[in-house]
Amino acid sequence: MAQAATAAGTSGGAFGHRATLLPGFDDPVDGAQAAFRAALQALANPGQVQVVDAACGVPAGLSPAMTALLLALADIDAPVWVPAGVDEAVRGFLRFHCACPLVDDPAQARFVAVPAGHAMPPLARCDAGDPAYPDRSATVLLDVDGLASGTSASALTLSGPGIPGSRVVSVAGLPDGFAAQWAANHALFPLGVDVFLTHGDQICGLPRTTRMEN
């Protein structure tokens, strides 16, 4: 959708009031493909910071990378959870462009999106999948304060499939206790959730197979 759309509604409608709706991808096909490729690369190379080169409208409160991932991955069959305090404009944007159900319980979501400034629900509350279909688990999109390759005070050392030896990534602003939650999630394999860390137009994949030390 090249231009912003205007959505009108009553106080009980999906948007609550007349508002200008931001566009999705500037180029719907190329944008979705670019975001999907970045997501695949991030999961295939855990801890390697990727840039999502997919221009799109970005609602206030979401990062460009988180927005692009949701536009590319969420759909009518993939419920999304966002924190209760997220602006209604974000909800309207997702309903319009992704047609995704928005749920109140992260356990019911295929995508758990946590913008900056909001608390992440415990990973154990998210859907870890079913033994018969472990791939049907939730994916958590977590906005952090910074992402960079290399060592710093906030560095994580990662190992596992897709990582030759080990890889160090610096992540600023992870929730307290995240490493312990990740260890418990990793122990559930083949069940468990996967995580995309996002910051600006960057993403970093943490598939459930990845081991973490900090």
Protein backbone atom coordinates (compact mmCIF):
# COMPACT_ATOMS: atom_id res chain seq x y z
CA MET A 1 0.00 0.00 0.00
CA ALA A 2 1.87 3.08 -1.25
CA GLN A 3 -0.07 5.70 0.71
CA ALA A 4 -1.48 5.88 4.20
CA ALA A 5 -5.11 4.87 4.54
CA THR A 6 -7.69 6.64 6.67
CA ALA A 7 -9.75 4.44 8.96
CA ALA A 8 -13.00 5.73 10.40
CA GLY A 9 -14.90 4.11 13.21
CA THR A 10 -17.15 4.70 16.16
CA SER A 11 -15.92 4.56 19.75
CA GLY A 12 -16.64 0.84 19.73
CA GLY A 13 -14.93 0.13 16.41
CA ALA A 14 -11.62 -1.51 15.69
CA PHE A 15 -9.74 1.80 15.74
CA GLY A 16 -11.89 3.71 18.23
CA HIS A 17 -11.70 7.04 16.37
CA ARG A 18 -10.87 8.49 12.99
CA ALA A 19 -7.15 8.03 12.46
CA THR A 20 -4.60 7.96 9.69
CA LEU A 21 -3.29 4.44 9.24
CA LEU A 22 0.34 4.10 8.29
CA PRO A 23 1.23 2.10 5.17
CA GLY A 24 2.68 -1.39 5.36
CA PHE A 25 5.68 -2.26 3.18
CA ASP A 26 6.58 0.34 0.55
CA ASP A 27 6.82 -2.61 -1.84
CA PRO A 28 4.67 -5.45 -0.44
CA VAL A 29 6.39 -8.26 -2.35
CA ASP A 30 10.01 -7.15 -2.08
CA GLY A 31 9.56 -5.94 1.49
CA ALA A 32 8.04 -9.19 2.71
CA GLN A 33 10.73 -11.23 0.94
CA ALA A 34 13.54 -9.11 2.39
CA ALA A 35 12.18 -9.36 5.92
CA PHE A 36 11.63 -13.11 5.58
CA ARG A 37 15.17 -13.64 4.26
CA ALA A 38 16.60 -11.65 7.16
CA ALA A 39 14.58 -13.75 9.62
CA LEU A 40 15.83 -16.99 8.05
CA GLN A 41 19.43 -15.76 8.11
CA ALA A 42 19.09 -14.71 11.74
CA LEU A 43 17.86 -18.15 12.82
CA ALA A 44 20.39 -19.99 10.65
CA ASN A 45 23.23 -17.93 12.15
CA PRO A 46 22.32 -17.41 15.82
CA GLY A 47 23.86 -14.34 17.40
CA GLN A 48 24.85 -12.81 14.06
CA VAL A 49 23.29 -9.36 13.76
CA GLN A 50 21.27 -8.92 10.56
CA VAL A 51 19.86 -5.75 9.01
CA VAL A 52 16.24 -5.83 7.83
CA ASP A 53 16.25 -3.82 4.61
CA ALA A 54 12.50 -3.52 4.12
CA ALA A 55 11.06 -0.02 4.12
CA CYS A 56 7.63 0.21 5.75
CA GLY A 57 5.42 2.38 7.89
CA VAL A 58 6.42 2.12 11.55
CA PRO A 59 3.82 2.81 14.26
CA ALA A 60 5.03 4.80 17.26
CA GLY A 61 6.41 2.40 19.85
CA LEU A 62 7.59 -0.31 17.45
CA SER A 63 11.06 -0.57 15.95
CA PRO A 64 11.41 -0.78 12.16
CA ALA A 65 12.75 -4.35 12.43
CA MET A 66 9.94 -5.57 14.68
CA THR A 67 7.37 -3.95 12.40
CA ALA A 68 8.86 -5.55 9.27
CA LEU A 69 8.98 -9.00 10.89
CA LEU A 70 5.35 -8.78 11.95
CA LEU A 71 4.28 -7.59 8.50
CA ALA A 72 6.13 -10.50 6.89
CA LEU A 73 5.25 -13.29 9.33
CA ALA A 74 1.93 -12.59 11.05
CA ASP A 75 -1.34 -13.41 9.32
CA ILE A 76 -4.90 -14.50 9.98
CA ASP A 77 -3.71 -17.91 11.21
CA ALA A 78 -0.99 -16.52 13.49
CA PRO A 79 -2.36 -14.81 16.61
CA VAL A 80 -0.23 -11.99 18.01
CA TRP A 81 0.17 -10.82 21.61
CA VAL A 82 1.30 -7.31 22.48
CA PRO A 83 1.45 -5.82 25.99
CA ALA A 84 -1.70 -4.18 27.33
CA GLY A 85 -0.04 -0.76 27.35
CA VAL A 86 0.74 -0.73 23.63
CA ASP A 87 -0.97 2.11 21.79
CA GLU A 88 -4.20 1.34 19.96
CA ALA A 89 -2.62 2.64 16.76
CA VAL A 90 -0.24 -0.34 16.84
CA ARG A 91 -3.15 -2.74 17.25
CA GLY A 92 -5.03 -1.11 14.39
CA PHE A 93 -1.94 -1.29 12.18
CA LEU A 94 -1.53 -5.03 12.83
CA ARG A 95 -5.23 -5.79 12.35
CA PHE A 96 -5.32 -3.91 9.05
CA HIS A 97 -2.06 -5.03 7.45
CA CYS A 98 -1.64 -8.54 8.91
CA ALA A 99 -5.29 -9.49 9.55
CA CYS A 100 -3.94 -11.28 12.62
CA PRO A 101 -6.02 -11.99 15.72
CA LEU A 102 -4.75 -10.09 18.77
CA VAL A 103 -4.94 -12.15 21.95
CA ASP A 104 -4.77 -11.23 25.63
CA ASP A 105 -2.82 -14.31 26.74
CA PRO A 106 0.73 -14.87 25.43
CA ALA A 107 0.13 -18.62 25.74
CA GLN A 108 -2.36 -18.33 22.86
CA ALA A 109 -0.06 -16.38 20.53
CA ARG A 110 2.10 -17.57 17.66
CA PHE A 111 4.02 -14.28 17.88
CA VAL A 112 4.70 -12.52 21.18
CA ALA A 113 5.81 -8.95 20.39
CA VAL A 114 7.41 -6.93 23.17
CA PRO A 115 8.24 -3.34 22.15
CA ALA A 116 10.80 -1.24 24.02
CA GLY A 117 9.66 -0.09 27.43
CA HIS A 118 7.30 -3.03 28.02
CA ALA A 119 7.77 -6.09 30.20
CA MET A 120 8.37 -9.42 28.50
CA PRO A 121 6.11 -12.22 29.73
CA PRO A 122 8.06 -15.18 31.09
CA LEU A 123 9.20 -17.46 28.27
CA ALA A 124 7.57 -20.33 30.16
CA ARG A 125 4.18 -18.64 29.61
CA CYS A 126 4.59 -18.76 25.85
CA ASP A 127 3.52 -21.73 23.73
CA ALA A 128 6.43 -24.21 23.61
CA GLY A 129 4.71 -26.35 20.98
CA ASP A 130 3.42 -29.90 20.99
CA PRO A 131 5.61 -33.03 20.89
CA ALA A 132 3.94 -34.03 17.62
CA TYR A 133 4.37 -30.52 16.15
CA PRO A 134 7.27 -28.74 17.89
CA ASP A 135 7.46 -26.25 15.01
CA ARG A 136 4.08 -24.82 16.00
CA SER A 137 5.52 -23.04 19.01
CA ALA A 138 5.56 -19.31 19.67
CA THR A 139 8.19 -16.89 18.44
CA VAL A 140 9.07 -13.99 20.72
CA LEU A 141 10.04 -10.62 19.22
CA LEU A 142 11.85 -8.63 21.90
CA ASP A 143 13.03 -5.06 21.35
CA VAL A 144 16.29 -4.33 23.19
CA ASP A 145 18.38 -1.20 23.78
CA GLY A 146 21.26 -2.24 21.54
CA LEU A 147 22.73 -5.04 19.40
CA ALA A 148 26.34 -5.40 18.28
CA SER A 149 28.78 -8.13 17.39
CA GLY A 150 31.69 -8.54 19.79
CA THR A 151 32.51 -8.29 23.46
CA SER A 152 31.18 -5.75 25.94
CA ALA A 153 29.81 -5.67 29.47
CA SER A 154 26.50 -6.94 28.08
CA ALA A 155 28.01 -9.68 25.91
CA LEU A 156 26.50 -13.14 25.53
CA THR A 157 28.51 -16.14 24.39
CA LEU A 158 26.44 -18.44 22.21
CA SER A 159 27.06 -21.95 20.93
CA GLY A 160 25.12 -24.66 19.14
CA PRO A 161 23.88 -25.42 15.61
CA GLY A 162 24.71 -22.70 13.10
CA ILE A 163 27.61 -21.38 15.20
CA PRO A 164 31.16 -22.46 14.38
CA GLY A 165 32.67 -22.88 17.84
CA SER A 166 31.13 -19.97 19.69
CA ARG A 167 29.85 -16.49 18.86
CA VAL A 168 29.79 -13.37 21.03
CA VAL A 169 27.03 -10.78 20.70
CA SER A 170 26.48 -7.72 22.86
CA VAL A 171 22.86 -7.14 23.84
CA ALA A 172 21.88 -4.11 25.90
CA GLY A 173 18.60 -4.10 27.79
CA LEU A 174 17.73 -7.78 28.15
CA PRO A 175 15.14 -8.44 30.89
CA ASP A 176 16.50 -9.45 34.29
CA GLY A 177 16.82 -13.22 34.53
CA PHE A 178 16.66 -13.74 30.77
CA ALA A 179 19.67 -16.09 30.72
CA ALA A 180 18.07 -18.39 33.30
CA GLN A 181 14.78 -18.37 31.38
CA TRP A 182 16.68 -19.16 28.20
CA ALA A 183 18.45 -22.11 29.81
CA ALA A 184 15.09 -23.56 30.86
CA ASN A 185 13.69 -22.97 27.37
CA HIS A 186 16.73 -24.61 25.74
CA ALA A 187 16.28 -27.67 27.98
CA LEU A 188 12.80 -28.24 26.49
CA PHE A 189 14.19 -29.05 23.03
CA PRO A 190 12.69 -30.11 20.64
CA LEU A 191 9.99 -27.99 22.27
CA GLY A 192 10.56 -24.38 23.24
CA VAL A 193 10.21 -20.90 21.80
CA ASP A 194 12.50 -19.07 19.39
CA VAL A 195 13.41 -15.41 19.93
CA PHE A 196 14.23 -12.51 17.65
CA LEU A 197 15.98 -9.62 19.39
CA THR A 198 15.29 -6.36 17.56
CA HIS A 199 16.80 -2.88 17.71
CA GLY A 200 16.25 -0.21 15.08
CA ASP A 201 16.52 -2.04 11.75
CA GLN A 202 18.61 -4.88 13.25
CA ILE A 203 17.63 -8.37 14.33
CA CYS A 204 19.44 -11.22 16.05
CA GLY A 205 18.06 -14.75 16.12
CA LEU A 206 18.05 -17.03 19.15
CA PRO A 207 16.62 -20.41 18.11
CA ARG A 208 15.80 -22.82 20.92
CA THR A 209 18.82 -24.96 19.98
CA THR A 210 21.24 -22.22 21.06
CA ARG A 211 23.15 -22.40 24.33
CA MET A 212 23.86 -19.14 26.14
CA GLU A 213 26.48 -17.97 28.64
CA ASN A 214 26.91 -14.48 30.04
